[in-house]
C-alpha atoms as a PDB file:
ATOM      1  CA  MET A   1      -3.350  16.084 -13.606  1.00  0.00           C
ATOM      2  CA  LYS A   2      -3.549  16.046  -9.801  1.00  0.00           C
ATOM      3  CA  SER A   3      -6.850  16.628  -8.043  1.00  0.00           C
ATOM      4  CA  HIS A   4      -8.239  16.472  -4.515  1.00  0.00           C
ATOM      5  CA  VAL A   5     -11.275  14.206  -4.271  1.00  0.00           C
ATOM      6  CA  THR A   6     -13.573  13.036  -1.490  1.00  0.00           C
ATOM      7  CA  ILE A   7     -14.510   9.360  -1.535  1.00  0.00           C
ATOM      8  CA  HIS A   8     -17.407   8.074   0.543  1.00  0.00           C
ATOM      9  CA  CYS A   9     -17.294   4.888   2.588  1.00  0.00           C
ATOM     10  CA  LYS A  10     -20.865   4.764   3.904  1.00  0.00           C
ATOM     11  CA  ASN A  11     -21.015   7.790   6.237  1.00  0.00           C
ATOM     12  CA  ILE A  12     -17.233   8.320   6.191  1.00  0.00           C
ATOM     13  CA  GLN A  13     -15.568  10.868   3.901  1.00  0.00           C
ATOM     14  CA  LEU A  14     -12.060   9.945   2.798  1.00  0.00           C
ATOM     15  CA  GLU A  15      -9.672  12.724   1.836  1.00  0.00           C
ATOM     16  CA  SER A  16      -7.856  11.608  -1.318  1.00  0.00           C
ATOM     17  CA  ILE A  17      -5.450  12.809  -3.994  1.00  0.00           C
ATOM     18  CA  LEU A  18      -5.794  11.469  -7.524  1.00  0.00           C
ATOM     19  CA  GLN A  19      -3.047  11.900 -10.112  1.00  0.00           C
ATOM     20  CA  GLU A  20      -4.246  10.702 -13.487  1.00  0.00           C
ATOM     21  CA  LYS A  21      -2.677   9.062 -16.500  1.00  0.00           C
ATOM     22  CA  ASP A  22      -4.637   8.462 -19.700  1.00  0.00           C
ATOM     23  CA  ASN A  23      -5.191   4.713 -19.354  1.00  0.00           C
ATOM     24  CA  GLN A  24      -7.139   2.203 -17.267  1.00  0.00           C
ATOM     25  CA  ARG A  25      -4.301   1.262 -14.892  1.00  0.00           C
ATOM     26  CA  ALA A  26      -4.496   2.633 -11.375  1.00  0.00           C
ATOM     27  CA  VAL A  27      -2.830   1.969  -8.045  1.00  0.00           C
ATOM     28  CA  ILE A  28      -4.083   2.741  -4.550  1.00  0.00           C
ATOM     29  CA  ILE A  29      -1.340   3.569  -2.048  1.00  0.00           C
ATOM     30  CA  CYS A  30      -2.107   3.070   1.654  1.00  0.00           C
ATOM     31  CA  HIS A  31      -0.257   4.874   4.421  1.00  0.00           C
ATOM     32  CA  PRO A  32       1.326   3.768   7.725  1.00  0.00           C
ATOM     33  CA  HIS A  33      -0.376   3.638  11.120  1.00  0.00           C
ATOM     34  CA  PRO A  34      -2.422   6.793  11.775  1.00  0.00           C
ATOM     35  CA  LEU A  35      -1.961   6.573  15.550  1.00  0.00           C
ATOM     36  CA  TYR A  36       1.789   6.924  14.987  1.00  0.00           C
ATOM     37  CA  GLY A  37       1.564   9.888  12.636  1.00  0.00           C
ATOM     38  CA  GLY A  38       0.975   8.036   9.375  1.00  0.00           C
ATOM     39  CA  ASN A  39      -0.905   9.767   6.572  1.00  0.00           C
ATOM     40  CA  MET A  40      -0.972   9.977   2.786  1.00  0.00           C
ATOM     41  CA  ASP A  41       1.785  12.608   2.731  1.00  0.00           C
ATOM     42  CA  ASN A  42       4.310  10.244   4.324  1.00  0.00           C
ATOM     43  CA  PRO A  43       7.611  10.326   2.361  1.00  0.00           C
ATOM     44  CA  VAL A  44       7.555   6.574   1.662  1.00  0.00           C
ATOM     45  CA  VAL A  45       3.958   6.787   0.423  1.00  0.00           C
ATOM     46  CA  MET A  46       4.931   9.708  -1.801  1.00  0.00           C
ATOM     47  CA  THR A  47       7.896   7.747  -3.182  1.00  0.00           C
ATOM     48  CA  ILE A  48       5.660   4.781  -4.008  1.00  0.00           C
ATOM     49  CA  ALA A  49       3.133   7.050  -5.714  1.00  0.00           C
ATOM     50  CA  GLU A  50       5.831   8.849  -7.697  1.00  0.00           C
ATOM     51  CA  SER A  51       7.348   5.561  -8.863  1.00  0.00           C
ATOM     52  CA  PHE A  52       4.030   4.205 -10.120  1.00  0.00           C
ATOM     53  CA  PHE A  53       3.026   7.492 -11.767  1.00  0.00           C
ATOM     54  CA  GLU A  54       6.307   7.722 -13.661  1.00  0.00           C
ATOM     55  CA  LYS A  55       5.658   4.204 -14.980  1.00  0.00           C
ATOM     56  CA  GLY A  56       2.268   5.125 -16.387  1.00  0.00           C
ATOM     57  CA  PHE A  57      -0.157   4.427 -13.546  1.00  0.00           C
ATOM     58  CA  THR A  58      -2.900   6.675 -12.274  1.00  0.00           C
ATOM     59  CA  THR A  59      -2.223   6.961  -8.543  1.00  0.00           C
ATOM     60  CA  LEU A  60      -4.639   7.460  -5.688  1.00  0.00           C
ATOM     61  CA  ARG A  61      -3.465   7.976  -2.141  1.00  0.00           C
ATOM     62  CA  PHE A  62      -5.915   8.698   0.647  1.00  0.00           C
ATOM     63  CA  ASN A  63      -6.154   9.204   4.389  1.00  0.00           C
ATOM     64  CA  PHE A  64      -7.779   6.431   6.368  1.00  0.00           C
ATOM     65  CA  ARG A  65     -10.812   7.338   8.470  1.00  0.00           C
ATOM     66  CA  GLY A  66      -9.991   9.679  11.342  1.00  0.00           C
ATOM     67  CA  THR A  67      -6.730  10.783   9.727  1.00  0.00           C
ATOM     68  CA  CYS A  68      -6.173  14.467   8.861  1.00  0.00           C
ATOM     69  CA  ASN A  69      -9.311  15.628   6.999  1.00  0.00           C
ATOM     70  CA  SER A  70     -10.930  12.212   6.627  1.00  0.00           C
ATOM     71  CA  THR A  71     -13.953  11.922   8.895  1.00  0.00           C
ATOM     72  CA  GLY A  72     -14.697   9.217  11.440  1.00  0.00           C
ATOM     73  CA  MET A  73     -12.398   7.572  13.952  1.00  0.00           C
ATOM     74  CA  PHE A  74      -9.621   5.000  13.866  1.00  0.00           C
ATOM     75  CA  ASP A  75     -11.233   1.549  13.832  1.00  0.00           C
ATOM     76  CA  ASP A  76      -8.318  -0.745  14.708  1.00  0.00           C
ATOM     77  CA  GLY A  77      -7.990  -1.985  11.136  1.00  0.00           C
ATOM     78  CA  ASN A  78     -11.601  -3.079  10.663  1.00  0.00           C
ATOM     79  CA  GLY A  79     -13.164   0.011   9.113  1.00  0.00           C
ATOM     80  CA  GLU A  80      -9.872   0.745   7.391  1.00  0.00           C
ATOM     81  CA  GLN A  81     -10.313  -2.383   5.276  1.00  0.00           C
ATOM     82  CA  GLU A  82     -13.685  -0.999   4.220  1.00  0.00           C
ATOM     83  CA  ASP A  83     -11.929   2.256   3.309  1.00  0.00           C
ATOM     84  CA  VAL A  84      -9.658   0.375   0.903  1.00  0.00           C
ATOM     85  CA  LYS A  85     -12.607  -1.400  -0.700  1.00  0.00           C
ATOM     86  CA  ALA A  86     -14.543   1.869  -1.022  1.00  0.00           C
ATOM     87  CA  VAL A  87     -11.618   3.490  -2.826  1.00  0.00           C
ATOM     88  CA  MET A  88     -11.386   0.490  -5.165  1.00  0.00           C
ATOM     89  CA  SER A  89     -15.104   0.757  -5.945  1.00  0.00           C
ATOM     90  CA  TRP A  90     -14.770   4.465  -6.630  1.00  0.00           C
ATOM     91  CA  LEU A  91     -11.931   3.874  -9.093  1.00  0.00           C
ATOM     92  CA  ASN A  92     -14.006   1.201 -10.828  1.00  0.00           C
ATOM     93  CA  GLU A  93     -16.818   3.716 -11.185  1.00  0.00           C
ATOM     94  CA  GLN A  94     -14.361   6.137 -12.804  1.00  0.00           C
ATOM     95  CA  GLY A  95     -13.581   3.526 -15.460  1.00  0.00           C
ATOM     96  CA  TYR A  96     -10.375   2.020 -14.088  1.00  0.00           C
ATOM     97  CA  LYS A  97     -10.424  -1.717 -14.776  1.00  0.00           C
ATOM     98  CA  LYS A  98      -6.886  -2.692 -13.731  1.00  0.00           C
ATOM     99  CA  ILE A  99      -6.390  -1.749 -10.088  1.00  0.00           C
ATOM    100  CA  SER A 100      -3.306  -2.540  -8.034  1.00  0.00           C
ATOM    101  CA  LEU A 101      -2.732  -2.093  -4.312  1.00  0.00           C
ATOM    102  CA  ALA A 102       0.474  -0.827  -2.726  1.00  0.00           C
ATOM    103  CA  GLY A 103       0.895  -0.257   0.983  1.00  0.00           C
ATOM    104  CA  TYR A 104       3.573   0.752   3.444  1.00  0.00           C
ATOM    105  CA  SER A 105       3.704  -0.632   6.997  1.00  0.00           C
ATOM    106  CA  PHE A 106       0.139  -0.514   8.458  1.00  0.00           C
ATOM    107  CA  GLY A 107      -1.116   0.228   4.947  1.00  0.00           C
ATOM    108  CA  ALA A 108       0.518  -2.986   3.740  1.00  0.00           C
ATOM    109  CA  ARG A 109      -1.371  -4.946   6.389  1.00  0.00           C
ATOM    110  CA  MET A 110      -4.715  -3.356   5.451  1.00  0.00           C
ATOM    111  CA  ASN A 111      -4.175  -4.226   1.800  1.00  0.00           C
ATOM    112  CA  ALA A 112      -3.052  -7.738   2.737  1.00  0.00           C
ATOM    113  CA  LEU A 113      -6.279  -8.322   4.649  1.00  0.00           C
ATOM    114  CA  VAL A 114      -8.349  -7.136   1.692  1.00  0.00           C
ATOM    115  CA  VAL A 115      -6.387  -9.306  -0.752  1.00  0.00           C
ATOM    116  CA  SER A 116      -6.506 -12.372   1.503  1.00  0.00           C
ATOM    117  CA  LYS A 117     -10.303 -12.192   1.580  1.00  0.00           C
ATOM    118  CA  GLY A 118     -10.561 -12.626  -2.167  1.00  0.00           C
ATOM    119  CA  CYS A 119     -10.732  -9.087  -3.512  1.00  0.00           C
ATOM    120  CA  GLU A 120      -9.662  -9.207  -7.159  1.00  0.00           C
ATOM    121  CA  ILE A 121      -6.755  -6.948  -8.050  1.00  0.00           C
ATOM    122  CA  GLU A 122      -4.171  -6.614 -10.795  1.00  0.00           C
ATOM    123  CA  ASP A 123      -1.096  -6.559  -8.538  1.00  0.00           C
ATOM    124  CA  HIS A 124      -0.134  -6.223  -4.879  1.00  0.00           C
ATOM    125  CA  VAL A 125       3.002  -4.501  -3.569  1.00  0.00           C
ATOM    126  CA  MET A 126       3.994  -4.542   0.106  1.00  0.00           C
ATOM    127  CA  VAL A 127       6.611  -2.175   1.504  1.00  0.00           C
ATOM    128  CA  SER A 128       7.814  -3.143   4.990  1.00  0.00           C
ATOM    129  CA  PRO A 129       4.802  -5.192   6.108  1.00  0.00           C
ATOM    130  CA  PRO A 130       4.969  -4.801   9.923  1.00  0.00           C
ATOM    131  CA  VAL A 131       5.193  -8.505  10.787  1.00  0.00           C
ATOM    132  CA  GLY A 132       7.392  -7.729  13.805  1.00  0.00           C
ATOM    133  CA  PHE A 133       4.861  -5.280  15.249  1.00  0.00           C
ATOM    134  CA  MET A 134       1.457  -6.692  14.283  1.00  0.00           C
ATOM    135  CA  SER A 135       0.425 -10.319  13.922  1.00  0.00           C
ATOM    136  CA  PHE A 136      -0.140 -11.525  10.367  1.00  0.00           C
ATOM    137  CA  ASP A 137      -1.220 -14.994  11.528  1.00  0.00           C
ATOM    138  CA  ASP A 138      -4.810 -14.267  10.473  1.00  0.00           C
ATOM    139  CA  ILE A 139      -3.685 -13.957   6.848  1.00  0.00           C
ATOM    140  CA  GLU A 140      -3.570 -17.426   5.304  1.00  0.00           C
ATOM    141  CA  LYS A 141      -3.112 -16.583   1.629  1.00  0.00           C
ATOM    142  CA  MET A 142      -1.765 -13.703  -0.410  1.00  0.00           C
ATOM    143  CA  PRO A 143      -2.681 -14.043  -4.101  1.00  0.00           C
ATOM    144  CA  SER A 144      -1.537 -11.512  -6.711  1.00  0.00           C
ATOM    145  CA  THR A 145       1.406 -10.355  -4.597  1.00  0.00           C
ATOM    146  CA  GLY A 146       4.174  -9.363  -6.995  1.00  0.00           C
ATOM    147  CA  LEU A 147       6.675  -7.461  -4.833  1.00  0.00           C
ATOM    148  CA  ILE A 148       7.616  -7.329  -1.161  1.00  0.00           C
ATOM    149  CA  VAL A 149      10.296  -4.904   0.063  1.00  0.00           C
ATOM    150  CA  THR A 150      11.893  -4.363   3.452  1.00  0.00           C
ATOM    151  CA  GLY A 151      15.106  -2.921   4.856  1.00  0.00           C
ATOM    152  CA  SER A 152      18.044  -4.894   6.212  1.00  0.00           C
ATOM    153  CA  ASN A 153      17.823  -2.878   9.460  1.00  0.00           C
ATOM    154  CA  ASP A 154      14.032  -2.827   9.684  1.00  0.00           C
ATOM    155  CA  GLU A 155      13.000  -3.950  13.186  1.00  0.00           C
ATOM    156  CA  ILE A 156       9.285  -3.572  12.413  1.00  0.00           C
ATOM    157  CA  ALA A 157       9.512  -5.718   9.279  1.00  0.00           C
ATOM    158  CA  PRO A 158      12.548  -7.957   9.948  1.00  0.00           C
ATOM    159  CA  SER A 159      13.734  -9.547   6.723  1.00  0.00           C
ATOM    160  CA  ASP A 160      13.928 -13.083   8.145  1.00  0.00           C
ATOM    161  CA  LEU A 161      10.416 -12.870   9.574  1.00  0.00           C
ATOM    162  CA  VAL A 162       9.066 -11.461   6.308  1.00  0.00           C
ATOM    163  CA  GLN A 163      10.710 -14.403   4.525  1.00  0.00           C
ATOM    164  CA  ASP A 164       9.005 -16.828   6.924  1.00  0.00           C
ATOM    165  CA  HIS A 165       5.629 -15.339   6.032  1.00  0.00           C
ATOM    166  CA  ILE A 166       6.373 -15.563   2.315  1.00  0.00           C
ATOM    167  CA  HIS A 167       7.015 -19.282   2.753  1.00  0.00           C
ATOM    168  CA  ARG A 168       3.857 -19.690   4.821  1.00  0.00           C
ATOM    169  CA  TRP A 169       1.778 -17.931   2.170  1.00  0.00           C
ATOM    170  CA  ARG A 170       3.322 -20.170  -0.510  1.00  0.00           C
ATOM    171  CA  ILE A 171       3.906 -17.282  -2.884  1.00  0.00           C
ATOM    172  CA  ALA A 172       6.891 -16.361  -5.020  1.00  0.00           C
ATOM    173  CA  PRO A 173       7.015 -12.576  -5.256  1.00  0.00           C
ATOM    174  CA  SER A 174      10.064 -10.532  -6.047  1.00  0.00           C
ATOM    175  CA  TYR A 175      11.497 -10.119  -2.533  1.00  0.00           C
ATOM    176  CA  GLN A 176      13.919  -7.225  -2.170  1.00  0.00           C
ATOM    177  CA  ILE A 177      15.931  -6.262   0.918  1.00  0.00           C
ATOM    178  CA  VAL A 178      17.261  -2.702   0.859  1.00  0.00           C
ATOM    179  CA  GLU A 179      20.692  -2.683   2.480  1.00  0.00           C
ATOM    180  CA  ASP A 180      21.445  -0.395   5.445  1.00  0.00           C
ATOM    181  CA  CYS A 181      17.821   0.702   5.573  1.00  0.00           C
ATOM    182  CA  ASP A 182      15.477   1.028   8.559  1.00  0.00           C
ATOM    183  CA  HIS A 183      11.675   0.934   8.701  1.00  0.00           C
ATOM    184  CA  PHE A 184      11.391   4.621   7.837  1.00  0.00           C
ATOM    185  CA  TYR A 185      13.718   4.421   4.818  1.00  0.00           C
ATOM    186  CA  SER A 186      15.843   7.140   6.375  1.00  0.00           C
ATOM    187  CA  GLY A 187      18.270   8.241   3.684  1.00  0.00           C
ATOM    188  CA  CYS A 188      17.085   5.340   1.530  1.00  0.00           C
ATOM    189  CA  LEU A 189      14.115   6.699  -0.407  1.00  0.00           C
ATOM    190  CA  GLY A 190      16.251   6.747  -3.544  1.00  0.00           C
ATOM    191  CA  LYS A 191      17.108   3.073  -3.073  1.00  0.00           C
ATOM    192  CA  LEU A 192      13.423   2.247  -2.581  1.00  0.00           C
ATOM    193  CA  LYS A 193      12.512   4.103  -5.748  1.00  0.00           C
ATOM    194  CA  ILE A 194      15.082   2.119  -7.736  1.00  0.00           C
ATOM    195  CA  VAL A 195      13.585  -1.163  -6.455  1.00  0.00           C
ATOM    196  CA  LEU A 196      10.068  -0.044  -7.360  1.00  0.00           C
ATOM    197  CA  THR A 197      11.073   1.336 -10.745  1.00  0.00           C
ATOM    198  CA  ASP A 198      12.958  -1.830 -11.682  1.00  0.00           C
ATOM    199  CA  TYR A 199       9.949  -3.940 -10.729  1.00  0.00           C
ATOM    200  CA  LEU A 200       7.481  -1.743 -12.613  1.00  0.00           C
ATOM    201  CA  PHE A 201       9.665  -1.669 -15.728  1.00  0.00           C
ATOM    202  CA  GLU A 202       8.130  -4.984 -16.794  1.00  0.00           C
ATOM    203  CA  LYS A 203       4.553  -3.942 -15.998  1.00  0.00           C
END
């Protein structure tokens, strides 16, 4: 069942879409940079949500503050981290005990910041973390990260630079490079879904 819900982060109202499965596993999917047109209806975000839902997860995607019908203003990544934590708290209140985070581009960075600060999660999936566009030097550790994906032609998340960060974080996720794919997964959403589905098969 899919439903529109409003989640509160202090005085901010976050526009969200919840698609439920009958279990306690849920994933929050975070969208790309709102100042560059990113929102929860982005095709990559939708592909991530679809992949998780088909593998038995309740999915929740939402618009960061100041995006579409979410109130407030863009906060340069500071308030957006609070948005992620507010959505996690809301899911906990609904009875979901196993919560994963998945993010694309800017959304991957917001999740990474939350995870690096010790927020307990079940799993962490990063799709094209924008290490070539935004500094990730402030992120020293990345626990619970199970999958990182980027494209071979992604100039925002260059595969070699992503690999350097994986080494720096001293983690061993499944690291997948989608061939002939740019940052927007143009013509490659099917390939991305296969990567996600294969990874989630064991979950």
